[in-house]
């Protein structure tokens, strides 16, 4: 099986004859059109590689205080358990 390339058909114009996103099927997604629209908007942004890395780094820095609080609380609980079991 080759997943890399999709076949191109001469008679395919891109129209959908029947929507297969039917409730009750395991692949049903009620927000499928919304997700496709968001994906299209993100592709239109044309963000450079450097800008994308800066955005990811900024997100990491935004989550850092919360991560440190969780890590500190875990350490305190482990220390208390160690003292209690001693």
N, C-alpha and C. Protein backbone atom coordinates (compact mmCIF):
# COMPACT_ATOMS: atom_id res chain seq x y z
N UNK A 1 0.83 -1.19 0.00
CA UNK A 1 0.00 0.00 0.00
C UNK A 1 0.87 1.24 0.00
N UNK A 2 0.52 2.17 -0.82
CA UNK A 2 1.27 3.43 -0.90
C UNK A 2 0.35 4.57 -0.48
N UNK A 3 0.69 5.24 0.59
CA UNK A 3 -0.15 6.32 1.09
C UNK A 3 0.32 7.69 0.63
N UNK A 4 1.44 7.76 -0.04
CA UNK A 4 2.05 9.04 -0.40
C UNK A 4 1.29 9.83 -1.44
N UNK A 5 0.89 9.19 -2.54
CA UNK A 5 0.28 9.91 -3.65
C UNK A 5 -1.18 9.52 -3.79
N UNK A 6 -2.02 10.51 -4.10
CA UNK A 6 -3.41 10.24 -4.40
C UNK A 6 -3.57 10.17 -5.90
N UNK A 7 -4.42 9.28 -6.34
CA UNK A 7 -4.66 9.15 -7.77
C UNK A 7 -5.49 10.34 -8.26
N UNK A 8 -5.17 10.80 -9.43
CA UNK A 8 -5.93 11.88 -10.08
C UNK A 8 -6.80 11.25 -11.16
N UNK A 9 -8.07 11.55 -11.12
CA UNK A 9 -8.99 11.05 -12.12
C UNK A 9 -9.43 12.21 -13.01
N UNK A 10 -9.54 11.95 -14.30
CA UNK A 10 -9.92 12.99 -15.26
C UNK A 10 -11.35 13.46 -15.07
N UNK A 11 -12.23 12.56 -14.64
CA UNK A 11 -13.64 12.91 -14.51
C UNK A 11 -14.00 13.46 -13.13
N UNK A 12 -13.03 13.62 -12.24
CA UNK A 12 -13.28 14.12 -10.89
C UNK A 12 -13.20 15.64 -10.87
N UNK A 13 -14.32 16.28 -10.55
CA UNK A 13 -14.33 17.75 -10.47
C UNK A 13 -14.38 18.25 -9.04
N UNK A 14 -14.31 17.36 -8.05
CA UNK A 14 -14.25 17.76 -6.65
C UNK A 14 -15.58 17.88 -5.95
N UNK A 15 -16.67 17.71 -6.64
CA UNK A 15 -17.99 17.82 -6.01
C UNK A 15 -18.31 16.58 -5.20
N UNK A 16 -19.10 16.76 -4.14
CA UNK A 16 -19.54 15.65 -3.32
C UNK A 16 -20.95 15.26 -3.74
N UNK A 17 -21.11 14.01 -4.13
CA UNK A 17 -22.42 13.52 -4.55
C UNK A 17 -23.28 13.21 -3.33
N UNK A 18 -22.70 12.52 -2.36
CA UNK A 18 -23.42 12.16 -1.15
C UNK A 18 -22.49 12.37 0.04
N UNK A 19 -22.96 13.10 1.05
CA UNK A 19 -22.18 13.34 2.25
C UNK A 19 -22.16 12.07 3.09
N UNK A 20 -20.97 11.53 3.32
CA UNK A 20 -20.83 10.29 4.09
C UNK A 20 -20.66 10.55 5.58
N UNK A 21 -20.75 11.80 6.01
CA UNK A 21 -20.65 12.14 7.42
C UNK A 21 -22.03 11.96 8.06
N UNK A 22 -22.39 10.71 8.33
CA UNK A 22 -23.72 10.36 8.79
C UNK A 22 -23.68 10.03 10.28
N UNK A 23 -24.65 10.58 11.02
CA UNK A 23 -24.70 10.31 12.46
C UNK A 23 -24.92 8.82 12.69
N UNK A 24 -24.16 8.26 13.62
CA UNK A 24 -24.25 6.84 13.93
C UNK A 24 -23.06 6.07 13.39
N UNK A 25 -22.38 6.61 12.41
CA UNK A 25 -21.18 5.96 11.89
C UNK A 25 -20.00 6.31 12.79
N UNK A 26 -19.01 5.45 12.85
CA UNK A 26 -17.90 5.68 13.76
C UNK A 26 -17.04 6.86 13.34
N UNK A 27 -17.07 7.26 12.08
CA UNK A 27 -16.27 8.40 11.62
C UNK A 27 -17.05 9.69 11.65
N UNK A 28 -18.27 9.66 12.20
CA UNK A 28 -19.11 10.86 12.24
C UNK A 28 -18.47 11.96 13.06
N UNK A 29 -18.41 13.14 12.50
CA UNK A 29 -17.86 14.32 13.16
C UNK A 29 -18.78 15.49 12.88
N UNK A 30 -19.57 15.94 13.88
CA UNK A 30 -20.52 17.02 13.62
C UNK A 30 -19.86 18.35 13.26
N UNK A 31 -18.61 18.55 13.63
CA UNK A 31 -17.94 19.82 13.38
C UNK A 31 -16.93 19.70 12.23
N UNK A 32 -17.17 18.77 11.30
CA UNK A 32 -16.21 18.52 10.24
C UNK A 32 -16.00 19.75 9.35
N UNK A 33 -17.08 20.43 9.00
CA UNK A 33 -16.97 21.60 8.14
C UNK A 33 -16.25 22.74 8.85
N UNK A 34 -16.52 22.90 10.14
CA UNK A 34 -15.86 23.95 10.92
C UNK A 34 -14.35 23.70 11.01
N UNK A 35 -13.96 22.45 11.21
CA UNK A 35 -12.54 22.11 11.29
C UNK A 35 -11.85 22.37 9.95
N UNK A 36 -12.53 22.03 8.87
CA UNK A 36 -11.95 22.25 7.55
C UNK A 36 -11.77 23.75 7.29
N UNK A 37 -12.72 24.55 7.73
CA UNK A 37 -12.63 26.01 7.56
C UNK A 37 -11.47 26.58 8.38
N UNK A 38 -11.31 26.12 9.62
CA UNK A 38 -10.20 26.58 10.46
C UNK A 38 -8.86 26.20 9.84
N UNK A 39 -8.77 24.98 9.32
CA UNK A 39 -7.54 24.52 8.70
C UNK A 39 -7.19 25.37 7.48
N UNK A 40 -8.20 25.74 6.71
CA UNK A 40 -7.98 26.56 5.53
C UNK A 40 -7.49 27.95 5.93
N UNK A 41 -8.06 28.51 7.00
CA UNK A 41 -7.64 29.83 7.47
C UNK A 41 -6.19 29.82 7.97
N UNK A 42 -5.80 28.74 8.65
CA UNK A 42 -4.43 28.63 9.15
C UNK A 42 -3.45 28.56 7.99
N UNK A 43 -3.81 27.84 6.94
CA UNK A 43 -2.93 27.75 5.78
C UNK A 43 -2.80 29.09 5.07
N UNK A 44 -3.82 29.93 5.14
CA UNK A 44 -3.79 31.24 4.49
C UNK A 44 -2.86 32.21 5.21
N UNK A 45 -2.52 31.95 6.47
CA UNK A 45 -1.69 32.87 7.24
C UNK A 45 -0.29 33.02 6.67
N UNK A 46 0.23 31.97 6.08
CA UNK A 46 1.57 31.98 5.50
C UNK A 46 2.62 32.38 6.55
N UNK A 47 2.65 31.65 7.64
CA UNK A 47 3.59 31.92 8.73
C UNK A 47 4.94 31.28 8.37
N UNK A 48 6.00 32.04 8.55
CA UNK A 48 7.33 31.51 8.25
C UNK A 48 7.76 30.53 9.34
N UNK A 49 8.82 29.82 9.06
CA UNK A 49 9.33 28.82 10.00
C UNK A 49 9.80 29.49 11.30
N UNK A 50 10.44 30.63 11.17
CA UNK A 50 10.94 31.35 12.34
C UNK A 50 9.77 31.86 13.20
N UNK A 51 8.72 32.37 12.55
CA UNK A 51 7.55 32.86 13.29
C UNK A 51 6.83 31.71 13.98
N UNK A 52 6.73 30.56 13.30
CA UNK A 52 6.07 29.40 13.91
C UNK A 52 6.82 28.93 15.14
N UNK A 53 8.16 28.89 15.06
CA UNK A 53 8.96 28.51 16.23
C UNK A 53 8.79 29.51 17.37
N UNK A 54 8.70 30.80 17.04
CA UNK A 54 8.51 31.82 18.07
C UNK A 54 7.15 31.64 18.74
N UNK A 55 6.13 31.29 17.98
CA UNK A 55 4.80 31.05 18.56
C UNK A 55 4.81 29.84 19.48
N UNK A 56 5.46 28.76 19.06
CA UNK A 56 5.53 27.55 19.88
C UNK A 56 6.31 27.84 21.17
N UNK A 57 7.42 28.56 21.05
CA UNK A 57 8.23 28.92 22.22
C UNK A 57 7.42 29.79 23.18
N UNK A 58 6.64 30.71 22.65
CA UNK A 58 5.79 31.55 23.49
C UNK A 58 4.74 30.74 24.23
N UNK A 59 4.19 29.74 23.55
CA UNK A 59 3.20 28.87 24.21
C UNK A 59 3.85 28.08 25.34
N UNK A 60 5.08 27.57 25.09
CA UNK A 60 5.79 26.86 26.15
C UNK A 60 6.04 27.77 27.34
N UNK A 61 6.44 29.00 27.08
CA UNK A 61 6.69 29.93 28.18
C UNK A 61 5.40 30.28 28.93
N UNK A 62 4.28 30.30 28.24
CA UNK A 62 3.01 30.59 28.89
C UNK A 62 2.60 29.46 29.83
N UNK A 63 2.92 28.22 29.46
CA UNK A 63 2.55 27.07 30.29
C UNK A 63 3.59 26.75 31.36
N UNK A 64 4.74 27.34 31.29
CA UNK A 64 5.82 27.03 32.22
C UNK A 64 5.45 27.27 33.69
N UNK A 65 4.84 28.40 34.08
CA UNK A 65 4.49 28.58 35.51
C UNK A 65 3.54 27.51 36.03
N UNK A 66 2.56 27.11 35.22
CA UNK A 66 1.62 26.08 35.65
C UNK A 66 2.35 24.74 35.81
N UNK A 67 3.23 24.42 34.88
CA UNK A 67 3.99 23.18 34.97
C UNK A 67 4.88 23.17 36.21
N UNK A 68 5.51 24.31 36.52
CA UNK A 68 6.37 24.38 37.70
C UNK A 68 5.57 24.24 38.99
N UNK A 69 4.37 24.80 39.03
CA UNK A 69 3.51 24.64 40.22
C UNK A 69 3.12 23.18 40.42
N UNK A 70 2.78 22.49 39.35
CA UNK A 70 2.42 21.08 39.45
C UNK A 70 3.63 20.27 39.89
N UNK A 71 4.79 20.54 39.33
CA UNK A 71 6.00 19.84 39.70
C UNK A 71 6.37 20.08 41.17
N UNK A 72 6.23 21.31 41.63
CA UNK A 72 6.52 21.66 43.02
C UNK A 72 5.55 20.96 43.97
N UNK A 73 4.27 20.95 43.62
CA UNK A 73 3.29 20.29 44.50
C UNK A 73 3.54 18.78 44.54
N UNK A 74 3.91 18.17 43.42
CA UNK A 74 4.24 16.75 43.41
C UNK A 74 5.45 16.47 44.29
N UNK A 75 6.45 17.33 44.23
CA UNK A 75 7.64 17.17 45.05
C UNK A 75 7.31 17.29 46.53
N UNK A 76 6.47 18.25 46.89
CA UNK A 76 6.08 18.43 48.29
C UNK A 76 5.32 17.21 48.79
N UNK A 77 4.42 16.68 47.99
CA UNK A 77 3.67 15.49 48.40
C UNK A 77 4.60 14.30 48.58
N UNK A 78 5.53 14.13 47.66
CA UNK A 78 6.48 13.01 47.80
C UNK A 78 7.36 13.19 49.03
N UNK A 79 7.78 14.39 49.32
CA UNK A 79 8.59 14.66 50.51
C UNK A 79 7.80 14.36 51.77
N UNK A 80 6.54 14.79 51.82
CA UNK A 80 5.70 14.50 52.98
C UNK A 80 5.47 13.00 53.15
N UNK A 81 5.26 12.29 52.06
CA UNK A 81 5.10 10.84 52.15
C UNK A 81 6.37 10.17 52.64
N UNK A 82 7.51 10.64 52.18
CA UNK A 82 8.78 10.07 52.61
C UNK A 82 8.99 10.30 54.12
N UNK A 83 8.67 11.50 54.60
CA UNK A 83 8.81 11.79 56.03
C UNK A 83 7.81 10.99 56.86
N UNK A 84 6.62 10.79 56.34
CA UNK A 84 5.58 10.08 57.08
C UNK A 84 5.91 8.60 57.18
N UNK A 85 6.48 8.00 56.12
CA UNK A 85 6.77 6.58 56.10
C UNK A 85 8.09 6.25 56.79
N UNK A 86 8.86 7.23 57.10
CA UNK A 86 10.16 7.04 57.71
C UNK A 86 10.11 6.53 59.09
